[in-house]
């Protein structure tokens, strides 16, 4: 009986081990920091893909931007584009643009 009592007291007094992660080594910490930095840089440089969908048709916004730039370049070849605002009207299947707050035009899409 004494042995059982001593065993139960020993288990009660022994500190319980906590679950969790093992401590990382210096190399693992450096690799984790590098991975976090790469992930943060990728998140900071995020350029989302925007797709407009309307009545069974869809068009990528980047495609519309490039089409607006190309349309503007046909008339004003030497003017640099410093500002571009794009207004998409899916019901008309047309994107209207304003370049440098002076020049405007439109491009249609299917």
C-alpha atoms as a PDB file:
ATOM      1  CA  UNK A   1       0.000   0.000   0.000  1.00  0.00           C
ATOM      2  CA  UNK A   2       2.762   2.392   0.810  1.00  0.00           C
ATOM      3  CA  UNK A   3       4.183   1.987  -2.671  1.00  0.00           C
ATOM      4  CA  UNK A   4       0.860   2.969  -4.271  1.00  0.00           C
ATOM      5  CA  UNK A   5       0.581   5.981  -1.997  1.00  0.00           C
ATOM      6  CA  UNK A   6       4.133   7.097  -2.789  1.00  0.00           C
ATOM      7  CA  UNK A   7       3.531   6.660  -6.534  1.00  0.00           C
ATOM      8  CA  UNK A   8       0.336   8.724  -6.438  1.00  0.00           C
ATOM      9  CA  UNK A   9       2.064  11.472  -4.419  1.00  0.00           C
ATOM     10  CA  UNK A  10       4.970  11.527  -6.868  1.00  0.00           C
ATOM     11  CA  UNK A  11       2.657  12.003  -9.834  1.00  0.00           C
ATOM     12  CA  UNK A  12       0.770  14.762  -8.055  1.00  0.00           C
ATOM     13  CA  UNK A  13       3.965  16.660  -7.196  1.00  0.00           C
ATOM     14  CA  UNK A  14       5.680  16.261 -10.576  1.00  0.00           C
ATOM     15  CA  UNK A  15       5.143  19.285 -12.778  1.00  0.00           C
ATOM     16  CA  UNK A  16       2.853  18.607 -15.670  1.00  0.00           C
ATOM     17  CA  UNK A  17       4.350  18.927 -19.099  1.00  0.00           C
ATOM     18  CA  UNK A  18       2.667  21.499 -21.255  1.00  0.00           C
ATOM     19  CA  UNK A  19       1.857  20.691 -24.840  1.00  0.00           C
ATOM     20  CA  UNK A  20       2.953  22.985 -27.606  1.00  0.00           C
ATOM     21  CA  UNK A  21       5.755  23.677 -29.974  1.00  0.00           C
ATOM     22  CA  UNK A  22       9.329  22.718 -29.420  1.00  0.00           C
ATOM     23  CA  UNK A  23      11.744  25.620 -29.059  1.00  0.00           C
ATOM     24  CA  UNK A  24      13.272  26.659 -32.390  1.00  0.00           C
ATOM     25  CA  UNK A  25      16.952  26.713 -33.093  1.00  0.00           C
ATOM     26  CA  UNK A  26      18.669  29.866 -34.342  1.00  0.00           C
ATOM     27  CA  UNK A  27      18.634  28.560 -37.925  1.00  0.00           C
ATOM     28  CA  UNK A  28      14.930  27.761 -37.720  1.00  0.00           C
ATOM     29  CA  UNK A  29      14.214  31.227 -36.303  1.00  0.00           C
ATOM     30  CA  UNK A  30      16.171  32.863 -39.137  1.00  0.00           C
ATOM     31  CA  UNK A  31      14.345  30.778 -41.746  1.00  0.00           C
ATOM     32  CA  UNK A  32      10.971  31.621 -40.197  1.00  0.00           C
ATOM     33  CA  UNK A  33      11.823  35.330 -40.114  1.00  0.00           C
ATOM     34  CA  UNK A  34      12.890  35.206 -43.760  1.00  0.00           C
ATOM     35  CA  UNK A  35       9.651  33.428 -44.720  1.00  0.00           C
ATOM     36  CA  UNK A  36       7.593  36.034 -42.832  1.00  0.00           C
ATOM     37  CA  UNK A  37       9.484  38.877 -44.549  1.00  0.00           C
ATOM     38  CA  UNK A  38       8.906  37.334 -47.990  1.00  0.00           C
ATOM     39  CA  UNK A  39       5.224  36.823 -47.210  1.00  0.00           C
ATOM     40  CA  UNK A  40       4.881  40.434 -45.999  1.00  0.00           C
ATOM     41  CA  UNK A  41       6.635  41.787 -49.099  1.00  0.00           C
ATOM     42  CA  UNK A  42       4.324  39.759 -51.320  1.00  0.00           C
ATOM     43  CA  UNK A  43       1.275  41.029 -49.418  1.00  0.00           C
ATOM     44  CA  UNK A  44       2.461  44.647 -49.625  1.00  0.00           C
ATOM     45  CA  UNK A  45       2.964  44.376 -53.390  1.00  0.00           C
ATOM     46  CA  UNK A  46      -0.399  42.702 -53.959  1.00  0.00           C
ATOM     47  CA  UNK A  47      -2.144  43.721 -57.157  1.00  0.00           C
ATOM     48  CA  UNK A  48      -5.595  42.166 -57.182  1.00  0.00           C
ATOM     49  CA  UNK A  49      -7.239  40.839 -60.317  1.00  0.00           C
ATOM     50  CA  UNK A  50     -10.576  42.560 -60.846  1.00  0.00           C
ATOM     51  CA  UNK A  51     -13.120  40.960 -63.156  1.00  0.00           C
ATOM     52  CA  UNK A  52     -16.409  42.667 -64.042  1.00  0.00           C
ATOM     53  CA  UNK A  53     -19.262  40.220 -64.668  1.00  0.00           C
ATOM     54  CA  UNK A  54     -22.572  41.306 -66.105  1.00  0.00           C
ATOM     55  CA  UNK A  55     -25.321  39.335 -67.886  1.00  0.00           C
ATOM     56  CA  UNK A  56     -23.198  36.308 -68.703  1.00  0.00           C
ATOM     57  CA  UNK A  57     -20.165  38.249 -69.933  1.00  0.00           C
ATOM     58  CA  UNK A  58     -16.990  39.042 -68.057  1.00  0.00           C
ATOM     59  CA  UNK A  59     -14.008  41.271 -68.677  1.00  0.00           C
ATOM     60  CA  UNK A  60     -10.739  41.668 -66.820  1.00  0.00           C
ATOM     61  CA  UNK A  61     -10.055  45.189 -65.570  1.00  0.00           C
ATOM     62  CA  UNK A  62      -6.375  44.997 -66.578  1.00  0.00           C
ATOM     63  CA  UNK A  63      -7.488  44.308 -70.150  1.00  0.00           C
ATOM     64  CA  UNK A  64      -9.680  47.408 -70.085  1.00  0.00           C
ATOM     65  CA  UNK A  65      -6.831  49.538 -68.735  1.00  0.00           C
ATOM     66  CA  UNK A  66      -4.505  48.368 -71.509  1.00  0.00           C
ATOM     67  CA  UNK A  67      -7.224  48.960 -74.120  1.00  0.00           C
ATOM     68  CA  UNK A  68      -7.790  52.499 -72.805  1.00  0.00           C
ATOM     69  CA  UNK A  69      -4.055  53.230 -72.926  1.00  0.00           C
ATOM     70  CA  UNK A  70      -3.823  51.874 -76.477  1.00  0.00           C
ATOM     71  CA  UNK A  71      -6.836  53.938 -77.569  1.00  0.00           C
ATOM     72  CA  UNK A  72      -5.306  57.071 -76.038  1.00  0.00           C
ATOM     73  CA  UNK A  73      -1.943  56.363 -77.695  1.00  0.00           C
ATOM     74  CA  UNK A  74      -3.607  56.332 -81.125  1.00  0.00           C
ATOM     75  CA  UNK A  75      -4.478  60.015 -80.801  1.00  0.00           C
ATOM     76  CA  UNK A  76      -1.822  61.381 -78.393  1.00  0.00           C
ATOM     77  CA  UNK A  77       1.382  59.498 -79.058  1.00  0.00           C
ATOM     78  CA  UNK A  78       3.812  61.739 -77.175  1.00  0.00           C
ATOM     79  CA  UNK A  79       1.728  62.608 -74.130  1.00  0.00           C
ATOM     80  CA  UNK A  80       2.817  60.626 -71.057  1.00  0.00           C
ATOM     81  CA  UNK A  81       0.031  59.045 -69.022  1.00  0.00           C
ATOM     82  CA  UNK A  82       0.378  60.247 -65.445  1.00  0.00           C
ATOM     83  CA  UNK A  83      -3.233  59.731 -64.362  1.00  0.00           C
ATOM     84  CA  UNK A  84      -5.869  57.321 -65.665  1.00  0.00           C
ATOM     85  CA  UNK A  85      -9.424  57.012 -64.405  1.00  0.00           C
ATOM     86  CA  UNK A  86     -11.578  54.234 -65.805  1.00  0.00           C
ATOM     87  CA  UNK A  87     -15.373  54.200 -65.572  1.00  0.00           C
ATOM     88  CA  UNK A  88     -16.936  50.858 -66.516  1.00  0.00           C
ATOM     89  CA  UNK A  89     -20.575  50.726 -67.655  1.00  0.00           C
ATOM     90  CA  UNK A  90     -21.310  47.024 -68.127  1.00  0.00           C
ATOM     91  CA  UNK A  91     -24.884  47.637 -69.306  1.00  0.00           C
ATOM     92  CA  UNK A  92     -23.451  49.549 -72.294  1.00  0.00           C
ATOM     93  CA  UNK A  93     -20.432  47.200 -72.557  1.00  0.00           C
ATOM     94  CA  UNK A  94     -18.234  50.298 -72.613  1.00  0.00           C
ATOM     95  CA  UNK A  95     -15.428  51.645 -70.455  1.00  0.00           C
ATOM     96  CA  UNK A  96     -14.946  55.404 -70.411  1.00  0.00           C
ATOM     97  CA  UNK A  97     -11.560  56.811 -69.475  1.00  0.00           C
ATOM     98  CA  UNK A  98     -10.034  60.147 -68.506  1.00  0.00           C
ATOM     99  CA  UNK A  99      -6.281  60.576 -68.957  1.00  0.00           C
ATOM    100  CA  UNK A 100      -4.350  63.292 -67.093  1.00  0.00           C
ATOM    101  CA  UNK A 101      -7.687  64.929 -66.169  1.00  0.00           C
ATOM    102  CA  UNK A 102      -7.812  66.473 -69.694  1.00  0.00           C
ATOM    103  CA  UNK A 103      -8.371  63.835 -72.335  1.00  0.00           C
ATOM    104  CA  UNK A 104     -11.306  61.444 -72.421  1.00  0.00           C
ATOM    105  CA  UNK A 105     -12.451  58.586 -74.580  1.00  0.00           C
ATOM    106  CA  UNK A 106     -14.084  55.189 -74.496  1.00  0.00           C
ATOM    107  CA  UNK A 107     -13.411  51.581 -75.403  1.00  0.00           C
ATOM    108  CA  UNK A 108     -16.009  48.906 -75.909  1.00  0.00           C
ATOM    109  CA  UNK A 109     -15.690  45.338 -74.722  1.00  0.00           C
ATOM    110  CA  UNK A 110     -17.553  42.116 -75.404  1.00  0.00           C
END
